[in-house]
Amino acid sequence: MNNGRSSRTLLSFLVFGFAFLYVPILLLVVYSFNESRMVTIWGGFSTKWYGALLQDQAMLDAAWKSLRLAFTTACTSLVIGTTAGLALTRFGRFRGKSLLGGLITAPMVMPEVITGLALLLLFVTMEQIFGWPAGRGMTTLWIAHVTFTSSYVAIIIASRLRELDVSIEEAALDLGATPFKVFFLITLPIIAPAMMSGWLLAFTISLDDLVISSFVSGPSSTTLPMVVFSSVRLGLSPKINALATIIVSLVSAGVILSGIVMMRQEKKRQKEIAQAIEDAKRQEAVGAA
């Protein structure tokens, strides 16, 4: 009896949590097809705001810049974060390891206002001393986004590497494989789902950032969150709902696709492990005979 009541309670909390998270997004999608200019009053079904969005060149340019910035940021953060994760988990104790771990986690806990101001002062000082970067633009945005997104990727990769069975890599090394070959043929395929998760997280955080981007951007490098924030201050337009619906659709498709790829990789890996165990048992039986 108590078990049934506990299950219903947990289910209620689960439903409430998902509703709290996803009902506002669902309402946003519904109101993107609203005929009325008032975003909270339903005036009938219409797709005119999607057409109006396609005619808003400033918002489209900002969206394209944000997507390019998020893509390059995610790729760079993946390389840096993977390297940092390997350094924290595969190189044992070395001088400065605790400092490296603190530096990696610092951008995650530092207030964005402080991070943005610090990066702005850094870029201004570098421009005065070295003449680079010349002003604020996409380069400073890219550096700033990589600075704080690499931390998230490093934490994800390090967590996955700590769970990895080191004996698999040691067995490959004992059989004559080089460390370079072990990494690319054994370690990398195993941590590929974590790398995909880190890439998606870095992409999402970069695409969503507003505070730090406001400090390090210039007149010609306005990102989508900055444009949306400026337009909302003047009054919420249904075009924002249409834009948000498109972004939600693209992100959802990317998450679903990555999930399918990771599931197939996991099934393939489990099948290869089962095949290897079966081959080992067969060889053992032949040797005993």
C-alpha atoms as a PDB file:
ATOM      1  CA  MET A   1       0.000   0.000   0.000  1.00  0.00           C
ATOM      2  CA  ASN A   2       2.779   2.364   0.944  1.00  0.00           C
ATOM      3  CA  ASN A   3       4.706   1.412  -2.168  1.00  0.00           C
ATOM      4  CA  GLY A   4       1.724   2.263  -4.374  1.00  0.00           C
ATOM      5  CA  ARG A   5       1.230   5.588  -2.638  1.00  0.00           C
ATOM      6  CA  SER A   6       4.927   6.426  -2.966  1.00  0.00           C
ATOM      7  CA  SER A   7       4.841   5.559  -6.666  1.00  0.00           C
ATOM      8  CA  ARG A   8       1.854   7.856  -7.242  1.00  0.00           C
ATOM      9  CA  THR A   9       3.566  10.644  -5.315  1.00  0.00           C
ATOM     10  CA  LEU A  10       6.750  10.288  -7.341  1.00  0.00           C
ATOM     11  CA  LEU A  11       4.755  10.184 -10.564  1.00  0.00           C
ATOM     12  CA  SER A  12       2.915  13.360  -9.545  1.00  0.00           C
ATOM     13  CA  PHE A  13       6.175  15.150  -8.865  1.00  0.00           C
ATOM     14  CA  LEU A  14       7.547  13.912 -12.184  1.00  0.00           C
ATOM     15  CA  VAL A  15       4.511  15.137 -14.121  1.00  0.00           C
ATOM     16  CA  PHE A  16       4.596  18.494 -12.333  1.00  0.00           C
ATOM     17  CA  GLY A  17       8.310  18.900 -13.066  1.00  0.00           C
ATOM     18  CA  PHE A  18       7.952  18.145 -16.769  1.00  0.00           C
ATOM     19  CA  ALA A  19       4.880  20.385 -17.019  1.00  0.00           C
ATOM     20  CA  PHE A  20       6.721  23.220 -15.301  1.00  0.00           C
ATOM     21  CA  LEU A  21       9.574  22.902 -17.798  1.00  0.00           C
ATOM     22  CA  TYR A  22       7.787  22.199 -21.063  1.00  0.00           C
ATOM     23  CA  VAL A  23       4.302  23.747 -20.900  1.00  0.00           C
ATOM     24  CA  PRO A  24       5.711  27.304 -21.342  1.00  0.00           C
ATOM     25  CA  ILE A  25       7.645  26.125 -24.404  1.00  0.00           C
ATOM     26  CA  LEU A  26       4.509  24.473 -25.776  1.00  0.00           C
ATOM     27  CA  LEU A  27       2.531  27.700 -25.258  1.00  0.00           C
ATOM     28  CA  LEU A  28       5.259  29.644 -27.044  1.00  0.00           C
ATOM     29  CA  VAL A  29       5.009  27.300 -30.033  1.00  0.00           C
ATOM     30  CA  VAL A  30       1.209  27.575 -30.084  1.00  0.00           C
ATOM     31  CA  TYR A  31       1.222  31.378 -29.938  1.00  0.00           C
ATOM     32  CA  SER A  32       3.748  31.557 -32.762  1.00  0.00           C
ATOM     33  CA  PHE A  33       0.793  30.671 -35.017  1.00  0.00           C
ATOM     34  CA  ASN A  34      -1.401  33.401 -33.523  1.00  0.00           C
ATOM     35  CA  GLU A  35      -3.142  35.827 -35.871  1.00  0.00           C
ATOM     36  CA  SER A  36      -3.256  38.604 -33.293  1.00  0.00           C
ATOM     37  CA  ARG A  37      -0.375  40.985 -32.649  1.00  0.00           C
ATOM     38  CA  MET A  38      -1.043  40.569 -28.931  1.00  0.00           C
ATOM     39  CA  VAL A  39       1.051  37.586 -27.898  1.00  0.00           C
ATOM     40  CA  THR A  40      -1.246  36.621 -25.008  1.00  0.00           C
ATOM     41  CA  ILE A  41      -4.581  36.889 -26.860  1.00  0.00           C
ATOM     42  CA  TRP A  42      -5.524  34.177 -29.354  1.00  0.00           C
ATOM     43  CA  GLY A  43      -6.845  35.672 -32.595  1.00  0.00           C
ATOM     44  CA  GLY A  44      -6.935  32.623 -34.827  1.00  0.00           C
ATOM     45  CA  PHE A  45      -4.454  30.404 -36.648  1.00  0.00           C
ATOM     46  CA  SER A  46      -1.956  32.117 -38.931  1.00  0.00           C
ATOM     47  CA  THR A  47       1.618  31.702 -40.159  1.00  0.00           C
ATOM     48  CA  LYS A  48       2.102  35.365 -41.062  1.00  0.00           C
ATOM     49  CA  TRP A  49       4.631  35.960 -38.286  1.00  0.00           C
ATOM     50  CA  TYR A  50       6.969  33.425 -39.851  1.00  0.00           C
ATOM     51  CA  GLY A  51       6.788  35.438 -43.063  1.00  0.00           C
ATOM     52  CA  ALA A  52       7.416  38.632 -41.104  1.00  0.00           C
ATOM     53  CA  LEU A  53      10.402  36.986 -39.461  1.00  0.00           C
ATOM     54  CA  LEU A  54      11.904  36.073 -42.845  1.00  0.00           C
ATOM     55  CA  GLN A  55      11.666  39.745 -43.832  1.00  0.00           C
ATOM     56  CA  ASP A  56      13.464  40.957 -40.703  1.00  0.00           C
ATOM     57  CA  GLN A  57      17.020  41.077 -42.036  1.00  0.00           C
ATOM     58  CA  ALA A  58      18.558  42.316 -38.786  1.00  0.00           C
ATOM     59  CA  MET A  59      17.209  39.371 -36.814  1.00  0.00           C
ATOM     60  CA  LEU A  60      18.181  36.874 -39.501  1.00  0.00           C
ATOM     61  CA  ASP A  61      21.738  38.239 -39.629  1.00  0.00           C
ATOM     62  CA  ALA A  62      21.987  38.027 -35.840  1.00  0.00           C
ATOM     63  CA  ALA A  63      20.690  34.449 -35.904  1.00  0.00           C
ATOM     64  CA  TRP A  64      23.233  33.440 -38.547  1.00  0.00           C
ATOM     65  CA  LYS A  65      26.079  35.048 -36.580  1.00  0.00           C
ATOM     66  CA  SER A  66      24.982  33.296 -33.391  1.00  0.00           C
ATOM     67  CA  LEU A  67      24.801  29.911 -35.112  1.00  0.00           C
ATOM     68  CA  ARG A  68      28.271  30.320 -36.638  1.00  0.00           C
ATOM     69  CA  LEU A  69      29.657  31.512 -33.319  1.00  0.00           C
ATOM     70  CA  ALA A  70      28.062  28.629 -31.411  1.00  0.00           C
ATOM     71  CA  PHE A  71      29.371  26.059 -33.911  1.00  0.00           C
ATOM     72  CA  THR A  72      32.974  27.295 -33.850  1.00  0.00           C
ATOM     73  CA  THR A  73      32.832  27.711 -30.073  1.00  0.00           C
ATOM     74  CA  ALA A  74      31.555  24.166 -29.553  1.00  0.00           C
ATOM     75  CA  CYS A  75      34.224  22.650 -31.811  1.00  0.00           C
ATOM     76  CA  THR A  76      37.056  24.575 -30.152  1.00  0.00           C
ATOM     77  CA  SER A  77      35.733  23.889 -26.661  1.00  0.00           C
ATOM     78  CA  LEU A  78      35.524  20.188 -27.479  1.00  0.00           C
ATOM     79  CA  VAL A  79      39.231  20.043 -28.346  1.00  0.00           C
ATOM     80  CA  ILE A  80      40.316  22.103 -25.318  1.00  0.00           C
ATOM     81  CA  GLY A  81      37.917  20.372 -22.939  1.00  0.00           C
ATOM     82  CA  THR A  82      38.934  16.889 -24.070  1.00  0.00           C
ATOM     83  CA  THR A  83      42.605  17.761 -23.625  1.00  0.00           C
ATOM     84  CA  ALA A  84      41.951  19.177 -20.154  1.00  0.00           C
ATOM     85  CA  GLY A  85      39.885  16.125 -19.188  1.00  0.00           C
ATOM     86  CA  LEU A  86      42.694  13.818 -20.261  1.00  0.00           C
ATOM     87  CA  ALA A  87      45.219  15.868 -18.281  1.00  0.00           C
ATOM     88  CA  LEU A  88      43.106  15.609 -15.129  1.00  0.00           C
ATOM     89  CA  THR A  89      42.457  11.870 -15.365  1.00  0.00           C
ATOM     90  CA  ARG A  90      45.278  10.213 -17.321  1.00  0.00           C
ATOM     91  CA  PHE A  91      48.490  11.914 -16.196  1.00  0.00           C
ATOM     92  CA  GLY A  92      48.465  11.046 -12.507  1.00  0.00           C
ATOM     93  CA  ARG A  93      49.741  13.549  -9.982  1.00  0.00           C
ATOM     94  CA  PHE A  94      51.771  16.445 -11.350  1.00  0.00           C
ATOM     95  CA  ARG A  95      52.710  19.869 -10.114  1.00  0.00           C
ATOM     96  CA  GLY A  96      49.881  22.301 -10.680  1.00  0.00           C
ATOM     97  CA  LYS A  97      47.142  19.684 -11.097  1.00  0.00           C
ATOM     98  CA  SER A  98      45.005  21.165  -8.315  1.00  0.00           C
ATOM     99  CA  LEU A  99      45.490  24.624  -9.779  1.00  0.00           C
ATOM    100  CA  LEU A 100      44.476  23.338 -13.226  1.00  0.00           C
ATOM    101  CA  GLY A 101      41.328  21.770 -11.765  1.00  0.00           C
ATOM    102  CA  GLY A 102      40.457  25.036 -10.032  1.00  0.00           C
ATOM    103  CA  LEU A 103      41.027  27.070 -13.193  1.00  0.00           C
ATOM    104  CA  ILE A 104      38.803  24.713 -15.171  1.00  0.00           C
ATOM    105  CA  THR A 105      35.881  24.970 -12.746  1.00  0.00           C
ATOM    106  CA  ALA A 106      36.281  28.709 -12.031  1.00  0.00           C
ATOM    107  CA  PRO A 107      34.360  29.979 -15.101  1.00  0.00           C
ATOM    108  CA  MET A 108      31.410  27.756 -14.116  1.00  0.00           C
ATOM    109  CA  VAL A 109      30.968  29.373 -10.687  1.00  0.00           C
ATOM    110  CA  MET A 110      32.084  32.907 -11.540  1.00  0.00           C
ATOM    111  CA  PRO A 111      29.237  35.429 -12.037  1.00  0.00           C
ATOM    112  CA  GLU A 112      28.846  36.260 -15.711  1.00  0.00           C
ATOM    113  CA  VAL A 113      29.042  39.998 -15.040  1.00  0.00           C
ATOM    114  CA  ILE A 114      32.497  39.596 -13.502  1.00  0.00           C
ATOM    115  CA  THR A 115      33.652  37.278 -16.291  1.00  0.00           C
ATOM    116  CA  GLY A 116      32.413  39.665 -18.972  1.00  0.00           C
ATOM    117  CA  LEU A 117      34.024  42.702 -17.333  1.00  0.00           C
ATOM    118  CA  ALA A 118      37.329  40.849 -16.839  1.00  0.00           C
ATOM    119  CA  LEU A 119      37.406  39.758 -20.477  1.00  0.00           C
ATOM    120  CA  LEU A 120      36.585  43.271 -21.649  1.00  0.00           C
ATOM    121  CA  LEU A 121      39.477  44.721 -19.639  1.00  0.00           C
ATOM    122  CA  LEU A 122      41.746  41.972 -20.994  1.00  0.00           C
ATOM    123  CA  PHE A 123      40.854  42.725 -24.621  1.00  0.00           C
ATOM    124  CA  VAL A 124      41.283  46.475 -24.131  1.00  0.00           C
ATOM    125  CA  THR A 125      44.706  45.957 -22.539  1.00  0.00           C
ATOM    126  CA  MET A 126      45.802  43.549 -25.282  1.00  0.00           C
ATOM    127  CA  GLU A 127      44.713  46.017 -27.950  1.00  0.00           C
ATOM    128  CA  GLN A 128      46.725  48.799 -26.317  1.00  0.00           C
ATOM    129  CA  ILE A 129      49.866  46.668 -25.941  1.00  0.00           C
ATOM    130  CA  PHE A 130      49.798  44.329 -28.958  1.00  0.00           C
ATOM    131  CA  GLY A 131      47.279  46.018 -31.249  1.00  0.00           C
ATOM    132  CA  TRP A 132      45.194  42.834 -31.257  1.00  0.00           C
ATOM    133  CA  PRO A 133      42.280  42.261 -31.183  1.00  0.00           C
ATOM    134  CA  ALA A 134      41.451  45.465 -33.046  1.00  0.00           C
ATOM    135  CA  GLY A 135      38.174  46.441 -31.438  1.00  0.00           C
ATOM    136  CA  ARG A 136      35.424  44.112 -30.301  1.00  0.00           C
ATOM    137  CA  GLY A 137      33.816  41.734 -32.746  1.00  0.00           C
ATOM    138  CA  MET A 138      33.348  38.081 -33.600  1.00  0.00           C
ATOM    139  CA  THR A 139      36.923  37.232 -32.571  1.00  0.00           C
ATOM    140  CA  THR A 140      36.486  38.550 -29.034  1.00  0.00           C
ATOM    141  CA  LEU A 141      33.091  36.864 -28.817  1.00  0.00           C
ATOM    142  CA  TRP A 142      34.627  33.556 -29.884  1.00  0.00           C
ATOM    143  CA  ILE A 143      37.460  33.800 -27.344  1.00  0.00           C
ATOM    144  CA  ALA A 144      35.055  34.744 -24.556  1.00  0.00           C
ATOM    145  CA  HIS A 145      32.630  31.913 -25.324  1.00  0.00           C
ATOM    146  CA  VAL A 146      35.403  29.338 -25.565  1.00  0.00           C
ATOM    147  CA  THR A 147      36.726  30.527 -22.215  1.00  0.00           C
ATOM    148  CA  PHE A 148      33.642  29.510 -20.253  1.00  0.00           C
ATOM    149  CA  THR A 149      32.225  26.685 -22.375  1.00  0.00           C
ATOM    150  CA  SER A 150      35.478  24.690 -22.279  1.00  0.00           C
ATOM    151  CA  SER A 151      34.945  24.203 -18.543  1.00  0.00           C
ATOM    152  CA  TYR A 152      31.670  22.362 -19.070  1.00  0.00           C
ATOM    153  CA  VAL A 153      33.161  20.104 -21.730  1.00  0.00           C
ATOM    154  CA  ALA A 154      36.205  19.335 -19.559  1.00  0.00           C
ATOM    155  CA  ILE A 155      34.039  18.322 -16.593  1.00  0.00           C
ATOM    156  CA  ILE A 156      31.892  16.019 -18.749  1.00  0.00           C
ATOM    157  CA  ILE A 157      34.898  14.365 -20.424  1.00  0.00           C
ATOM    158  CA  ALA A 158      36.768  13.975 -17.119  1.00  0.00           C
ATOM    159  CA  SER A 159      33.742  12.346 -15.485  1.00  0.00           C
ATOM    160  CA  ARG A 160      33.429   9.844 -18.336  1.00  0.00           C
ATOM    161  CA  LEU A 161      37.152   9.043 -18.305  1.00  0.00           C
ATOM    162  CA  ARG A 162      37.069   8.361 -14.551  1.00  0.00           C
ATOM    163  CA  GLU A 163      34.359   5.746 -15.156  1.00  0.00           C
ATOM    164  CA  LEU A 164      36.303   4.112 -17.981  1.00  0.00           C
ATOM    165  CA  ASP A 165      37.916   0.754 -17.220  1.00  0.00           C
ATOM    166  CA  VAL A 166      41.632   1.471 -17.486  1.00  0.00           C
ATOM    167  CA  SER A 167      42.407  -2.236 -17.901  1.00  0.00           C
ATOM    168  CA  ILE A 168      41.092  -2.088 -21.468  1.00  0.00           C
ATOM    169  CA  GLU A 169      43.683   0.522 -22.406  1.00  0.00           C
ATOM    170  CA  GLU A 170      46.416  -1.304 -20.478  1.00  0.00           C
ATOM    171  CA  ALA A 171      45.605  -4.557 -22.282  1.00  0.00           C
ATOM    172  CA  ALA A 172      45.934  -2.817 -25.647  1.00  0.00           C
ATOM    173  CA  LEU A 173      49.267  -1.331 -24.596  1.00  0.00           C
ATOM    174  CA  ASP A 174      50.489  -4.762 -23.466  1.00  0.00           C
ATOM    175  CA  LEU A 175      49.572  -6.167 -26.867  1.00  0.00           C
ATOM    176  CA  GLY A 176      51.871  -3.659 -28.569  1.00  0.00           C
ATOM    177  CA  ALA A 177      49.556  -0.770 -29.446  1.00  0.00           C
ATOM    178  CA  THR A 178      51.003   2.726 -29.165  1.00  0.00           C
ATOM    179  CA  PRO A 179      49.359   5.259 -26.816  1.00  0.00           C
ATOM    180  CA  PHE A 180      48.323   7.266 -29.885  1.00  0.00           C
ATOM    181  CA  LYS A 181      46.581   4.233 -31.402  1.00  0.00           C
ATOM    182  CA  VAL A 182      44.963   3.278 -28.079  1.00  0.00           C
ATOM    183  CA  PHE A 183      43.468   6.734 -27.754  1.00  0.00           C
ATOM    184  CA  PHE A 184      41.972   6.859 -31.240  1.00  0.00           C
ATOM    185  CA  LEU A 185      40.823   3.231 -31.492  1.00  0.00           C
ATOM    186  CA  ILE A 186      39.724   2.508 -27.907  1.00  0.00           C
ATOM    187  CA  THR A 187      39.411   5.579 -25.693  1.00  0.00           C
ATOM    188  CA  LEU A 188      37.902   7.947 -28.232  1.00  0.00           C
ATOM    189  CA  PRO A 189      35.035   5.639 -29.357  1.00  0.00           C
ATOM    190  CA  ILE A 190      34.127   4.900 -25.725  1.00  0.00           C
ATOM    191  CA  ILE A 191      33.959   8.564 -24.693  1.00  0.00           C
ATOM    192  CA  ALA A 192      32.283   9.624 -27.964  1.00  0.00           C
ATOM    193  CA  PRO A 193      28.819   9.973 -26.316  1.00  0.00           C
ATOM    194  CA  ALA A 194      30.306  12.238 -23.642  1.00  0.00           C
ATOM    195  CA  MET A 195      32.041  14.278 -26.340  1.00  0.00           C
ATOM    196  CA  MET A 196      28.758  14.631 -28.194  1.00  0.00           C
ATOM    197  CA  SER A 197      27.028  15.748 -24.987  1.00  0.00           C
ATOM    198  CA  GLY A 198      29.797  18.261 -24.285  1.00  0.00           C
ATOM    199  CA  TRP A 199      29.604  19.636 -27.826  1.00  0.00           C
ATOM    200  CA  LEU A 200      25.835  20.083 -27.623  1.00  0.00           C
ATOM    201  CA  LEU A 201      26.081  21.733 -24.201  1.00  0.00           C
ATOM    202  CA  ALA A 202      28.781  24.152 -25.404  1.00  0.00           C
ATOM    203  CA  PHE A 203      26.730  24.942 -28.520  1.00  0.00           C
ATOM    204  CA  THR A 204      23.610  25.647 -26.458  1.00  0.00           C
ATOM    205  CA  ILE A 205      25.386  27.797 -23.856  1.00  0.00           C
ATOM    206  CA  SER A 206      27.124  29.846 -26.553  1.00  0.00           C
ATOM    207  CA  LEU A 207      23.906  30.325 -28.507  1.00  0.00           C
ATOM    208  CA  ASP A 208      22.074  31.412 -25.348  1.00  0.00           C
ATOM    209  CA  ASP A 209      24.661  33.738 -23.800  1.00  0.00           C
ATOM    210  CA  LEU A 210      23.679  37.376 -23.338  1.00  0.00           C
ATOM    211  CA  VAL A 211      25.594  38.914 -20.429  1.00  0.00           C
ATOM    212  CA  ILE A 212      29.176  38.117 -21.451  1.00  0.00           C
ATOM    213  CA  SER A 213      28.413  38.796 -25.124  1.00  0.00           C
ATOM    214  CA  SER A 214      27.151  42.255 -24.214  1.00  0.00           C
ATOM    215  CA  PHE A 215      30.566  43.122 -22.747  1.00  0.00           C
ATOM    216  CA  VAL A 216      32.821  41.816 -25.521  1.00  0.00           C
ATOM    217  CA  SER A 217      30.756  42.418 -28.677  1.00  0.00           C
ATOM    218  CA  GLY A 218      30.917  45.360 -31.047  1.00  0.00           C
ATOM    219  CA  PRO A 219      28.428  47.193 -33.275  1.00  0.00           C
ATOM    220  CA  SER A 220      28.931  44.707 -36.125  1.00  0.00           C
ATOM    221  CA  SER A 221      28.778  41.569 -33.966  1.00  0.00           C
ATOM    222  CA  THR A 222      25.352  41.688 -32.372  1.00  0.00           C
ATOM    223  CA  THR A 223      24.200  38.194 -31.437  1.00  0.00           C
ATOM    224  CA  LEU A 224      20.661  36.852 -31.495  1.00  0.00           C
ATOM    225  CA  PRO A 225      20.064  37.012 -27.701  1.00  0.00           C
ATOM    226  CA  MET A 226      21.107  40.677 -27.763  1.00  0.00           C
ATOM    227  CA  VAL A 227      18.683  41.465 -30.578  1.00  0.00           C
ATOM    228  CA  VAL A 228      15.860  39.584 -28.853  1.00  0.00           C
ATOM    229  CA  PHE A 229      16.546  41.304 -25.538  1.00  0.00           C
ATOM    230  CA  SER A 230      16.537  44.737 -27.197  1.00  0.00           C
ATOM    231  CA  SER A 231      13.292  44.037 -29.037  1.00  0.00           C
ATOM    232  CA  VAL A 232      11.568  42.677 -25.922  1.00  0.00           C
ATOM    233  CA  ARG A 233      12.391  45.859 -24.025  1.00  0.00           C
ATOM    234  CA  LEU A 234      10.416  47.789 -26.659  1.00  0.00           C
ATOM    235  CA  GLY A 235       7.505  45.348 -26.620  1.00  0.00           C
ATOM    236  CA  LEU A 236       7.166  41.641 -27.264  1.00  0.00           C
ATOM    237  CA  SER A 237       6.562  40.824 -30.921  1.00  0.00           C
ATOM    238  CA  PRO A 238       5.025  37.558 -32.185  1.00  0.00           C
ATOM    239  CA  LYS A 239       8.079  37.274 -34.445  1.00  0.00           C
ATOM    240  CA  ILE A 240      10.042  36.329 -31.324  1.00  0.00           C
ATOM    241  CA  ASN A 241       7.679  33.386 -30.801  1.00  0.00           C
ATOM    242  CA  ALA A 242       8.214  32.289 -34.397  1.00  0.00           C
ATOM    243  CA  LEU A 243      11.976  32.550 -34.049  1.00  0.00           C
ATOM    244  CA  ALA A 244      11.949  30.663 -30.761  1.00  0.00           C
ATOM    245  CA  THR A 245       9.824  27.908 -32.316  1.00  0.00           C
ATOM    246  CA  ILE A 246      12.321  27.458 -35.148  1.00  0.00           C
ATOM    247  CA  ILE A 247      15.245  27.302 -32.707  1.00  0.00           C
ATOM    248  CA  VAL A 248      13.418  24.819 -30.452  1.00  0.00           C
ATOM    249  CA  SER A 249      12.672  22.640 -33.477  1.00  0.00           C
ATOM    250  CA  LEU A 250      16.284  22.683 -34.652  1.00  0.00           C
ATOM    251  CA  VAL A 251      17.668  21.955 -31.191  1.00  0.00           C
ATOM    252  CA  SER A 252      15.152  19.150 -30.618  1.00  0.00           C
ATOM    253  CA  ALA A 253      16.038  17.584 -33.964  1.00  0.00           C
ATOM    254  CA  GLY A 254      19.740  17.785 -33.092  1.00  0.00           C
ATOM    255  CA  VAL A 255      19.219  16.189 -29.680  1.00  0.00           C
ATOM    256  CA  ILE A 256      17.082  13.386 -31.125  1.00  0.00           C
ATOM    257  CA  LEU A 257      19.598  12.737 -33.902  1.00  0.00           C
ATOM    258  CA  SER A 258      22.531  12.655 -31.482  1.00  0.00           C
ATOM    259  CA  GLY A 259      20.577  10.327 -29.207  1.00  0.00           C
ATOM    260  CA  ILE A 260      19.940   7.923 -32.073  1.00  0.00           C
ATOM    261  CA  VAL A 261      23.617   7.990 -33.082  1.00  0.00           C
ATOM    262  CA  MET A 262      24.777   7.356 -29.506  1.00  0.00           C
ATOM    263  CA  MET A 263      22.292   4.490 -29.076  1.00  0.00           C
ATOM    264  CA  ARG A 264      23.543   2.839 -32.258  1.00  0.00           C
ATOM    265  CA  GLN A 265      27.147   3.265 -31.162  1.00  0.00           C
ATOM    266  CA  GLU A 266      26.375   1.766 -27.769  1.00  0.00           C
ATOM    267  CA  LYS A 267      24.596  -1.216 -29.335  1.00  0.00           C
ATOM    268  CA  LYS A 268      27.526  -1.715 -31.712  1.00  0.00           C
ATOM    269  CA  ARG A 269      29.988  -1.560 -28.835  1.00  0.00           C
ATOM    270  CA  GLN A 270      27.983  -4.055 -26.754  1.00  0.00           C
ATOM    271  CA  LYS A 271      27.806  -6.391 -29.742  1.00  0.00           C
ATOM    272  CA  GLU A 272      31.569  -6.151 -30.266  1.00  0.00           C
ATOM    273  CA  ILE A 273      32.201  -6.868 -26.570  1.00  0.00           C
ATOM    274  CA  ALA A 274      29.887  -9.886 -26.667  1.00  0.00           C
ATOM    275  CA  GLN A 275      31.621 -11.129 -29.822  1.00  0.00           C
ATOM    276  CA  ALA A 276      35.036 -10.695 -28.217  1.00  0.00           C
ATOM    277  CA  ILE A 277      33.945 -12.641 -25.126  1.00  0.00           C
ATOM    278  CA  GLU A 278      32.526 -15.409 -27.309  1.00  0.00           C
ATOM    279  CA  ASP A 279      35.749 -15.611 -29.341  1.00  0.00           C
ATOM    280  CA  ALA A 280      37.809 -15.751 -26.136  1.00  0.00           C
ATOM    281  CA  LYS A 281      35.656 -18.597 -24.781  1.00  0.00           C
ATOM    282  CA  ARG A 282      35.947 -20.460 -28.074  1.00  0.00           C
ATOM    283  CA  GLN A 283      39.734 -20.115 -28.080  1.00  0.00           C
ATOM    284  CA  GLU A 284      39.852 -21.242 -24.458  1.00  0.00           C
ATOM    285  CA  ALA A 285      37.782 -24.314 -25.282  1.00  0.00           C
ATOM    286  CA  VAL A 286      40.037 -25.150 -28.237  1.00  0.00           C
ATOM    287  CA  GLY A 287      43.120 -24.769 -26.067  1.00  0.00           C
ATOM    288  CA  ALA A 288      41.663 -27.022 -23.360  1.00  0.00           C
ATOM    289  CA  ALA A 289      40.823 -29.662 -25.933  1.00  0.00           C
END
